[in-house]
Structure formats: structure tokens, C-alpha cells
All heavy atoms as atom14 arrays in JSON, in Angstrom:
{
  "sequence": "WFDKGKPKEIWDEDVQWPIGDLEAAHKIRDICRSADD",
  "atom14_mask": [
    [1, 1, 1, 1, 1, 1, 1, 1, 1, 1, 1, 1, 1, 1],
    [1, 1, 1, 1, 1, 1, 1, 1, 1, 1, 1, 0, 0, 0],
    [1, 1, 1, 1, 1, 1, 1, 1, 0, 0, 0, 0, 0, 0],
    [1, 1, 1, 1, 1, 1, 1, 1, 1, 0, 0, 0, 0, 0],
    [1, 1, 1, 1, 0, 0, 0, 0, 0, 0, 0, 0, 0, 0],
    [1, 1, 1, 1, 1, 1, 1, 1, 1, 0, 0, 0, 0, 0],
    [1, 1, 1, 1, 1, 1, 1, 0, 0, 0, 0, 0, 0, 0],
    [1, 1, 1, 1, 1, 1, 1, 1, 1, 0, 0, 0, 0, 0],
    [1, 1, 1, 1, 1, 1, 1, 1, 1, 0, 0, 0, 0, 0],
    [1, 1, 1, 1, 1, 1, 1, 1, 0, 0, 0, 0, 0, 0],
    [1, 1, 1, 1, 1, 1, 1, 1, 1, 1, 1, 1, 1, 1],
    [1, 1, 1, 1, 1, 1, 1, 1, 0, 0, 0, 0, 0, 0],
    [1, 1, 1, 1, 1, 1, 1, 1, 1, 0, 0, 0, 0, 0],
    [1, 1, 1, 1, 1, 1, 1, 1, 0, 0, 0, 0, 0, 0],
    [1, 1, 1, 1, 1, 1, 1, 0, 0, 0, 0, 0, 0, 0],
    [1, 1, 1, 1, 1, 1, 1, 1, 1, 0, 0, 0, 0, 0],
    [1, 1, 1, 1, 1, 1, 1, 1, 1, 1, 1, 1, 1, 1],
    [1, 1, 1, 1, 1, 1, 1, 0, 0, 0, 0, 0, 0, 0],
    [1, 1, 1, 1, 1, 1, 1, 1, 0, 0, 0, 0, 0, 0],
    [1, 1, 1, 1, 0, 0, 0, 0, 0, 0, 0, 0, 0, 0],
    [1, 1, 1, 1, 1, 1, 1, 1, 0, 0, 0, 0, 0, 0],
    [1, 1, 1, 1, 1, 1, 1, 1, 0, 0, 0, 0, 0, 0],
    [1, 1, 1, 1, 1, 1, 1, 1, 1, 0, 0, 0, 0, 0],
    [1, 1, 1, 1, 1, 0, 0, 0, 0, 0, 0, 0, 0, 0],
    [1, 1, 1, 1, 1, 0, 0, 0, 0, 0, 0, 0, 0, 0],
    [1, 1, 1, 1, 1, 1, 1, 1, 1, 1, 0, 0, 0, 0],
    [1, 1, 1, 1, 1, 1, 1, 1, 1, 0, 0, 0, 0, 0],
    [1, 1, 1, 1, 1, 1, 1, 1, 0, 0, 0, 0, 0, 0],
    [1, 1, 1, 1, 1, 1, 1, 1, 1, 1, 1, 0, 0, 0],
    [1, 1, 1, 1, 1, 1, 1, 1, 0, 0, 0, 0, 0, 0],
    [1, 1, 1, 1, 1, 1, 1, 1, 0, 0, 0, 0, 0, 0],
    [1, 1, 1, 1, 1, 1, 0, 0, 0, 0, 0, 0, 0, 0],
    [1, 1, 1, 1, 1, 1, 1, 1, 1, 1, 1, 0, 0, 0],
    [1, 1, 1, 1, 1, 1, 0, 0, 0, 0, 0, 0, 0, 0],
    [1, 1, 1, 1, 1, 0, 0, 0, 0, 0, 0, 0, 0, 0],
    [1, 1, 1, 1, 1, 1, 1, 1, 0, 0, 0, 0, 0, 0],
    [1, 1, 1, 1, 1, 1, 1, 1, 0, 0, 0, 0, 0, 0]
  ],
  "atom14_positions": [
    [[-8.64, 9.91, 20.76], [-7.51, 9.27, 20.09], [-7.45, 7.77, 20.31], [-6.73, 7.08, 19.65], [-6.18, 9.93, 20.46], [-5.85, 9.9, 21.92], [-5.3, 8.88, 22.6], [-6.05, 10.94, 22.85], [-5.14, 9.19, 23.91], [-5.59, 10.47, 24.09], [-6.56, 12.21, 22.78], [-5.65, 11.23, 25.24], [-6.6, 12.96, 23.93], [-6.16, 12.47, 25.13]],
    [[-8.23, 7.26, 21.27], [-8.25, 5.82, 21.48], [-9.2, 5.11, 20.52], [-9.16, 3.91, 20.37], [-8.66, 5.49, 22.92], [-7.59, 5.82, 23.92], [-7.83, 6.76, 24.91], [-6.36, 5.21, 23.85], [-6.85, 7.07, 25.83], [-5.37, 5.52, 24.76], [-5.61, 6.45, 25.75], [0.0, 0.0, 0.0], [0.0, 0.0, 0.0], [0.0, 0.0, 0.0]],
    [[-10.05, 5.83, 19.86], [-11.05, 5.24, 18.98], [-10.73, 5.51, 17.51], [-11.58, 5.93, 16.75], [-12.44, 5.77, 19.34], [-13.54, 4.97, 18.67], [-13.32, 3.78, 18.39], [-14.6, 5.55, 18.42], [0.0, 0.0, 0.0], [0.0, 0.0, 0.0], [0.0, 0.0, 0.0], [0.0, 0.0, 0.0], [0.0, 0.0, 0.0], [0.0, 0.0, 0.0]],
    [[-9.48, 5.25, 17.14], [-9.09, 5.51, 15.75], [-9.37, 4.33, 14.83], [-9.38, 4.48, 13.63], [-7.59, 5.85, 15.7], [-7.28, 7.2, 16.28], [-5.85, 7.54, 16.05], [-5.57, 8.93, 16.6], [-4.22, 9.35, 16.39], [0.0, 0.0, 0.0], [0.0, 0.0, 0.0], [0.0, 0.0, 0.0], [0.0, 0.0, 0.0], [0.0, 0.0, 0.0]],
    [[-9.56, 3.17, 15.38], [-9.81, 2.0, 14.55], [-8.51, 1.41, 14.02], [-7.41, 1.83, 14.36], [0.0, 0.0, 0.0], [0.0, 0.0, 0.0], [0.0, 0.0, 0.0], [0.0, 0.0, 0.0], [0.0, 0.0, 0.0], [0.0, 0.0, 0.0], [0.0, 0.0, 0.0], [0.0, 0.0, 0.0], [0.0, 0.0, 0.0], [0.0, 0.0, 0.0]],
    [[-8.66, 0.44, 13.18], [-7.52, -0.27, 12.61], [-6.82, 0.62, 11.57], [-7.48, 1.18, 10.69], [-8.02, -1.54, 11.95], [-6.96, -2.41, 11.35], [-7.6, -3.63, 10.71], [-6.7, -4.13, 9.62], [-7.3, -5.15, 8.81], [0.0, 0.0, 0.0], [0.0, 0.0, 0.0], [0.0, 0.0, 0.0], [0.0, 0.0, 0.0], [0.0, 0.0, 0.0]],
    [[-5.48, 0.74, 11.66], [-4.78, 1.55, 10.66], [-4.85, 0.89, 9.28], [-4.83, -0.32, 9.15], [-3.34, 1.6, 11.17], [-3.2, 0.45, 12.08], [-4.57, 0.16, 12.64], [0.0, 0.0, 0.0], [0.0, 0.0, 0.0], [0.0, 0.0, 0.0], [0.0, 0.0, 0.0], [0.0, 0.0, 0.0], [0.0, 0.0, 0.0], [0.0, 0.0, 0.0]],
    [[-4.94, 1.71, 8.26], [-5.03, 1.2, 6.89], [-3.64, 0.83, 6.39], [-2.7, 1.59, 6.52], [-5.66, 2.27, 6.0], [-6.08, 1.76, 4.67], [-6.91, 2.77, 3.92], [-7.42, 2.15, 2.65], [-8.29, 3.02, 1.92], [0.0, 0.0, 0.0], [0.0, 0.0, 0.0], [0.0, 0.0, 0.0], [0.0, 0.0, 0.0], [0.0, 0.0, 0.0]],
    [[-3.54, -0.35, 5.82], [-2.27, -0.84, 5.28], [-2.12, -0.35, 3.85], [-3.1, -0.04, 3.17], [-2.24, -2.37, 5.3], [-2.38, -2.98, 6.68], [-1.13, -2.85, 7.54], [-0.1, -2.33, 7.07], [-1.19, -3.27, 8.7], [0.0, 0.0, 0.0], [0.0, 0.0, 0.0], [0.0, 0.0, 0.0], [0.0, 0.0, 0.0], [0.0, 0.0, 0.0]],
    [[-0.89, -0.33, 3.36], [-0.61, 0.15, 2.0], [-1.28, -0.74, 0.95], [-1.7, -0.27, -0.1], [0.91, 0.27, 1.75], [1.16, 0.98, 0.44], [1.58, -1.08, 1.79], [2.59, 1.39, 0.23], [0.0, 0.0, 0.0], [0.0, 0.0, 0.0], [0.0, 0.0, 0.0], [0.0, 0.0, 0.0], [0.0, 0.0, 0.0], [0.0, 0.0, 0.0]],
    [[-1.42, -2.03, 1.23], [-2.02, -2.93, 0.26], [-3.54, -2.87, 0.29], [-4.2, -3.43, -0.57], [-1.55, -4.37, 0.46], [-1.64, -4.86, 1.86], [-2.73, -5.41, 2.47], [-0.62, -4.84, 2.83], [-2.44, -5.72, 3.75], [-1.14, -5.39, 4.01], [0.71, -4.41, 2.83], [-0.39, -5.52, 5.17], [1.44, -4.54, 3.99], [0.91, -5.09, 5.14]],
    [[-4.11, -2.18, 1.28], [-5.56, -2.0, 1.33], [-6.03, -0.84, 0.46], [-7.22, -0.72, 0.18], [-6.02, -1.76, 2.77], [-5.87, -3.0, 3.64], [-5.9, -4.12, 3.08], [-5.73, -2.86, 4.86], [0.0, 0.0, 0.0], [0.0, 0.0, 0.0], [0.0, 0.0, 0.0], [0.0, 0.0, 0.0], [0.0, 0.0, 0.0], [0.0, 0.0, 0.0]],
    [[-5.1, 0.01, 0.07], [-5.45, 1.16, -0.76], [-5.82, 0.7, -2.17], [-5.18, -0.19, -2.73], [-4.26, 2.13, -0.84], [-3.87, 2.73, 0.48], [-2.59, 3.54, 0.39], [-2.05, 3.71, -0.73], [-2.12, 3.98, 1.44], [0.0, 0.0, 0.0], [0.0, 0.0, 0.0], [0.0, 0.0, 0.0], [0.0, 0.0, 0.0], [0.0, 0.0, 0.0]],
    [[-6.84, 1.3, -2.71], [-7.25, 0.97, -4.08], [-6.22, 1.51, -5.06], [-5.76, 2.64, -4.95], [-8.61, 1.58, -4.4], [-9.74, 0.89, -3.66], [-9.58, -0.31, -3.34], [-10.76, 1.55, -3.4], [0.0, 0.0, 0.0], [0.0, 0.0, 0.0], [0.0, 0.0, 0.0], [0.0, 0.0, 0.0], [0.0, 0.0, 0.0], [0.0, 0.0, 0.0]],
    [[-5.87, 0.68, -6.04], [-4.97, 1.09, -7.1], [-5.83, 1.62, -8.24], [-6.71, 0.92, -8.75], [-4.1, -0.08, -7.59], [-3.21, 0.35, -8.72], [-3.28, -0.66, -6.45], [0.0, 0.0, 0.0], [0.0, 0.0, 0.0], [0.0, 0.0, 0.0], [0.0, 0.0, 0.0], [0.0, 0.0, 0.0], [0.0, 0.0, 0.0], [0.0, 0.0, 0.0]],
    [[-5.6, 2.85, -8.61], [-6.36, 3.47, -9.68], [-5.71, 3.12, -11.02], [-4.69, 3.68, -11.38], [-6.41, 4.99, -9.49], [-7.06, 5.43, -8.2], [-8.51, 4.99, -8.11], [-9.25, 5.03, -9.08], [-8.92, 4.55, -6.93], [0.0, 0.0, 0.0], [0.0, 0.0, 0.0], [0.0, 0.0, 0.0], [0.0, 0.0, 0.0], [0.0, 0.0, 0.0]],
    [[-6.28, 2.14, -11.7], [-5.74, 1.71, -12.98], [-6.22, 2.66, -14.07], [-7.31, 3.17, -13.98], [-6.16, 0.28, -13.29], [-5.59, -0.68, -12.31], [-6.24, -1.23, -11.25], [-4.26, -1.18, -12.25], [-5.4, -2.05, -10.54], [-4.17, -2.04, -11.14], [-3.13, -0.99, -13.03], [-3.01, -2.7, -10.8], [-1.98, -1.66, -12.68], [-1.93, -2.49, -11.57]],
    [[-5.48, 2.9, -15.09], [-4.16, 2.33, -15.37], [-3.06, 3.13, -14.71], [-3.11, 4.35, -14.63], [-4.05, 2.46, -16.89], [-4.87, 3.66, -17.22], [-5.97, 3.72, -16.2], [0.0, 0.0, 0.0], [0.0, 0.0, 0.0], [0.0, 0.0, 0.0], [0.0, 0.0, 0.0], [0.0, 0.0, 0.0], [0.0, 0.0, 0.0], [0.0, 0.0, 0.0]],
    [[-2.09, 2.4, -14.19], [-0.86, 3.03, -13.68], [0.28, 2.49, -14.53], [0.16, 1.45, -15.16], [-0.62, 2.74, -12.18], [-0.42, 1.25, -11.91], [-1.72, 3.31, -11.33], [-0.01, 0.94, -10.48], [0.0, 0.0, 0.0], [0.0, 0.0, 0.0], [0.0, 0.0, 0.0], [0.0, 0.0, 0.0], [0.0, 0.0, 0.0], [0.0, 0.0, 0.0]],
    [[1.36, 3.2, -14.56], [2.51, 2.76, -15.34], [3.23, 1.59, -14.7], [3.05, 1.3, -13.51], [0.0, 0.0, 0.0], [0.0, 0.0, 0.0], [0.0, 0.0, 0.0], [0.0, 0.0, 0.0], [0.0, 0.0, 0.0], [0.0, 0.0, 0.0], [0.0, 0.0, 0.0], [0.0, 0.0, 0.0], [0.0, 0.0, 0.0], [0.0, 0.0, 0.0]],
    [[4.03, 0.92, -15.5], [4.79, -0.23, -15.0], [5.73, 0.17, -13.87], [5.86, -0.55, -12.88], [5.6, -0.86, -16.13], [4.72, -1.61, -17.12], [3.52, -1.82, -16.82], [5.24, -1.99, -18.18], [0.0, 0.0, 0.0], [0.0, 0.0, 0.0], [0.0, 0.0, 0.0], [0.0, 0.0, 0.0], [0.0, 0.0, 0.0], [0.0, 0.0, 0.0]],
    [[6.37, 1.31, -14.02], [7.31, 1.77, -13.0], [6.6, 2.06, -11.69], [7.07, 1.69, -10.61], [8.06, 3.01, -13.5], [9.39, 3.31, -12.84], [10.3, 2.12, -12.89], [10.04, 4.49, -13.53], [0.0, 0.0, 0.0], [0.0, 0.0, 0.0], [0.0, 0.0, 0.0], [0.0, 0.0, 0.0], [0.0, 0.0, 0.0], [0.0, 0.0, 0.0]],
    [[5.46, 2.7, -11.77], [4.68, 3.0, -10.56], [4.19, 1.7, -9.91], [4.17, 1.58, -8.68], [3.5, 3.9, -10.9], [2.76, 4.4, -9.68], [1.64, 5.36, -10.03], [1.65, 5.93, -11.15], [0.74, 5.52, -9.2], [0.0, 0.0, 0.0], [0.0, 0.0, 0.0], [0.0, 0.0, 0.0], [0.0, 0.0, 0.0], [0.0, 0.0, 0.0]],
    [[3.8, 0.73, -10.71], [3.36, -0.57, -10.18], [4.51, -1.28, -9.47], [4.32, -1.85, -8.39], [2.81, -1.44, -11.3], [0.0, 0.0, 0.0], [0.0, 0.0, 0.0], [0.0, 0.0, 0.0], [0.0, 0.0, 0.0], [0.0, 0.0, 0.0], [0.0, 0.0, 0.0], [0.0, 0.0, 0.0], [0.0, 0.0, 0.0], [0.0, 0.0, 0.0]],
    [[5.7, -1.21, -10.06], [6.87, -1.83, -9.42], [7.21, -1.14, -8.1], [7.57, -1.81, -7.12], [8.07, -1.77, -10.37], [0.0, 0.0, 0.0], [0.0, 0.0, 0.0], [0.0, 0.0, 0.0], [0.0, 0.0, 0.0], [0.0, 0.0, 0.0], [0.0, 0.0, 0.0], [0.0, 0.0, 0.0], [0.0, 0.0, 0.0], [0.0, 0.0, 0.0]],
    [[7.07, 0.17, -8.06], [7.3, 0.91, -6.79], [6.26, 0.51, -5.75], [6.59, 0.36, -4.57], [7.25, 2.42, -7.03], [8.48, 2.97, -7.67], [9.7, 3.03, -7.04], [8.68, 3.47, -8.91], [10.58, 3.56, -7.85], [10.0, 3.83, -9.0], [0.0, 0.0, 0.0], [0.0, 0.0, 0.0], [0.0, 0.0, 0.0], [0.0, 0.0, 0.0]],
    [[5.03, 0.33, -6.17], [3.96, -0.07, -5.25], [4.27, -1.45, -4.66], [4.11, -1.67, -3.46], [2.63, -0.07, -6.0], [1.45, -0.45, -5.19], [0.85, 0.74, -4.53], [-0.48, 0.35, -3.9], [-0.93, 1.31, -2.94], [0.0, 0.0, 0.0], [0.0, 0.0, 0.0], [0.0, 0.0, 0.0], [0.0, 0.0, 0.0], [0.0, 0.0, 0.0]],
    [[4.73, -2.37, -5.5], [5.08, -3.72, -5.03], [6.24, -3.65, -4.04], [6.22, -4.3, -3.0], [5.42, -4.64, -6.23], [4.15, -4.93, -7.02], [6.08, -5.93, -5.76], [4.37, -5.61, -8.34], [0.0, 0.0, 0.0], [0.0, 0.0, 0.0], [0.0, 0.0, 0.0], [0.0, 0.0, 0.0], [0.0, 0.0, 0.0], [0.0, 0.0, 0.0]],
    [[7.23, -2.83, -4.35], [8.36, -2.68, -3.44], [7.89, -2.14, -2.08], [8.29, -2.65, -1.03], [9.41, -1.75, -4.03], [10.65, -1.63, -3.14], [11.58, -0.55, -3.6], [10.89, 0.73, -3.48], [11.11, 1.78, -4.25], [11.99, 1.71, -5.23], [10.47, 2.91, -4.07], [0.0, 0.0, 0.0], [0.0, 0.0, 0.0], [0.0, 0.0, 0.0]],
    [[7.02, -1.15, -2.11], [6.51, -0.58, -0.86], [5.69, -1.59, -0.07], [5.78, -1.66, 1.16], [5.66, 0.67, -1.15], [6.48, 1.82, -1.7], [7.73, 1.8, -1.56], [5.88, 2.74, -2.3], [0.0, 0.0, 0.0], [0.0, 0.0, 0.0], [0.0, 0.0, 0.0], [0.0, 0.0, 0.0], [0.0, 0.0, 0.0], [0.0, 0.0, 0.0]],
    [[4.89, -2.38, -0.77], [4.09, -3.41, -0.1], [4.99, -4.44, 0.56], [4.79, -4.81, 1.73], [3.13, -4.09, -1.11], [2.01, -3.13, -1.51], [2.55, -5.38, -0.54], [1.15, -3.62, -2.65], [0.0, 0.0, 0.0], [0.0, 0.0, 0.0], [0.0, 0.0, 0.0], [0.0, 0.0, 0.0], [0.0, 0.0, 0.0], [0.0, 0.0, 0.0]],
    [[6.0, -4.9, -0.16], [6.91, -5.91, 0.39], [7.69, -5.37, 1.59], [7.88, -6.09, 2.57], [7.87, -6.41, -0.7], [7.04, -7.4, -1.96], [0.0, 0.0, 0.0], [0.0, 0.0, 0.0], [0.0, 0.0, 0.0], [0.0, 0.0, 0.0], [0.0, 0.0, 0.0], [0.0, 0.0, 0.0], [0.0, 0.0, 0.0], [0.0, 0.0, 0.0]],
    [[8.11, -4.14, 1.52], [8.82, -3.54, 2.66], [7.92, -3.39, 3.87], [8.35, -3.58, 5.0], [9.4, -2.18, 2.26], [10.61, -2.3, 1.39], [11.19, -0.94, 1.1], [12.37, -1.06, 0.26], [12.97, -0.04, -0.31], [12.52, 1.19, -0.12], [14.02, -0.22, -1.06], [0.0, 0.0, 0.0], [0.0, 0.0, 0.0], [0.0, 0.0, 0.0]],
    [[6.66, -3.04, 3.63], [5.73, -2.87, 4.74], [5.4, -4.19, 5.43], [5.15, -4.21, 6.63], [4.42, -2.24, 4.24], [4.65, -0.94, 3.77], [0.0, 0.0, 0.0], [0.0, 0.0, 0.0], [0.0, 0.0, 0.0], [0.0, 0.0, 0.0], [0.0, 0.0, 0.0], [0.0, 0.0, 0.0], [0.0, 0.0, 0.0], [0.0, 0.0, 0.0]],
    [[5.41, -5.27, 4.69], [5.06, -6.57, 5.26], [6.27, -7.37, 5.74], [6.11, -8.47, 6.26], [4.29, -7.38, 4.22], [0.0, 0.0, 0.0], [0.0, 0.0, 0.0], [0.0, 0.0, 0.0], [0.0, 0.0, 0.0], [0.0, 0.0, 0.0], [0.0, 0.0, 0.0], [0.0, 0.0, 0.0], [0.0, 0.0, 0.0], [0.0, 0.0, 0.0]],
    [[7.48, -6.82, 5.56], [8.7, -7.53, 5.97], [8.67, -7.97, 7.43], [9.04, -9.1, 7.75], [9.93, -6.66, 5.76], [10.61, -6.92, 4.44], [10.21, -7.87, 3.74], [11.55, -6.17, 4.11], [0.0, 0.0, 0.0], [0.0, 0.0, 0.0], [0.0, 0.0, 0.0], [0.0, 0.0, 0.0], [0.0, 0.0, 0.0], [0.0, 0.0, 0.0]],
    [[8.25, -7.09, 8.33], [8.27, -7.42, 9.74], [7.35, -8.59, 10.06], [7.73, -9.5, 10.82], [7.92, -6.2, 10.59], [6.56, -5.61, 10.26], [6.06, -5.85, 9.15], [6.0, -4.9, 11.12], [0.0, 0.0, 0.0], [0.0, 0.0, 0.0], [0.0, 0.0, 0.0], [0.0, 0.0, 0.0], [0.0, 0.0, 0.0], [0.0, 0.0, 0.0]]
  ]
}
């Protein structure tokens, strides 16, 4: 468990285009919330 490596961030995940506008807006909201700290 000590050799897990760097955790993957939400913005590192590949976005499978095409996605809808609403889903893209939700993704942006999630990214901004994750980077708030």
C-alpha cells in the first residue's frame, strides 16, 4: 500500500468527446471544486 504512486486527479482523466454541454459544465464544476484547496 505504500507503493501506490501519485493519485490521479479529475482533470487528468481523458474526456471522451463528444460529450453534452451539460456534462461538460458538470466536469468543469468538479474540476474547480477539486482544485479549490
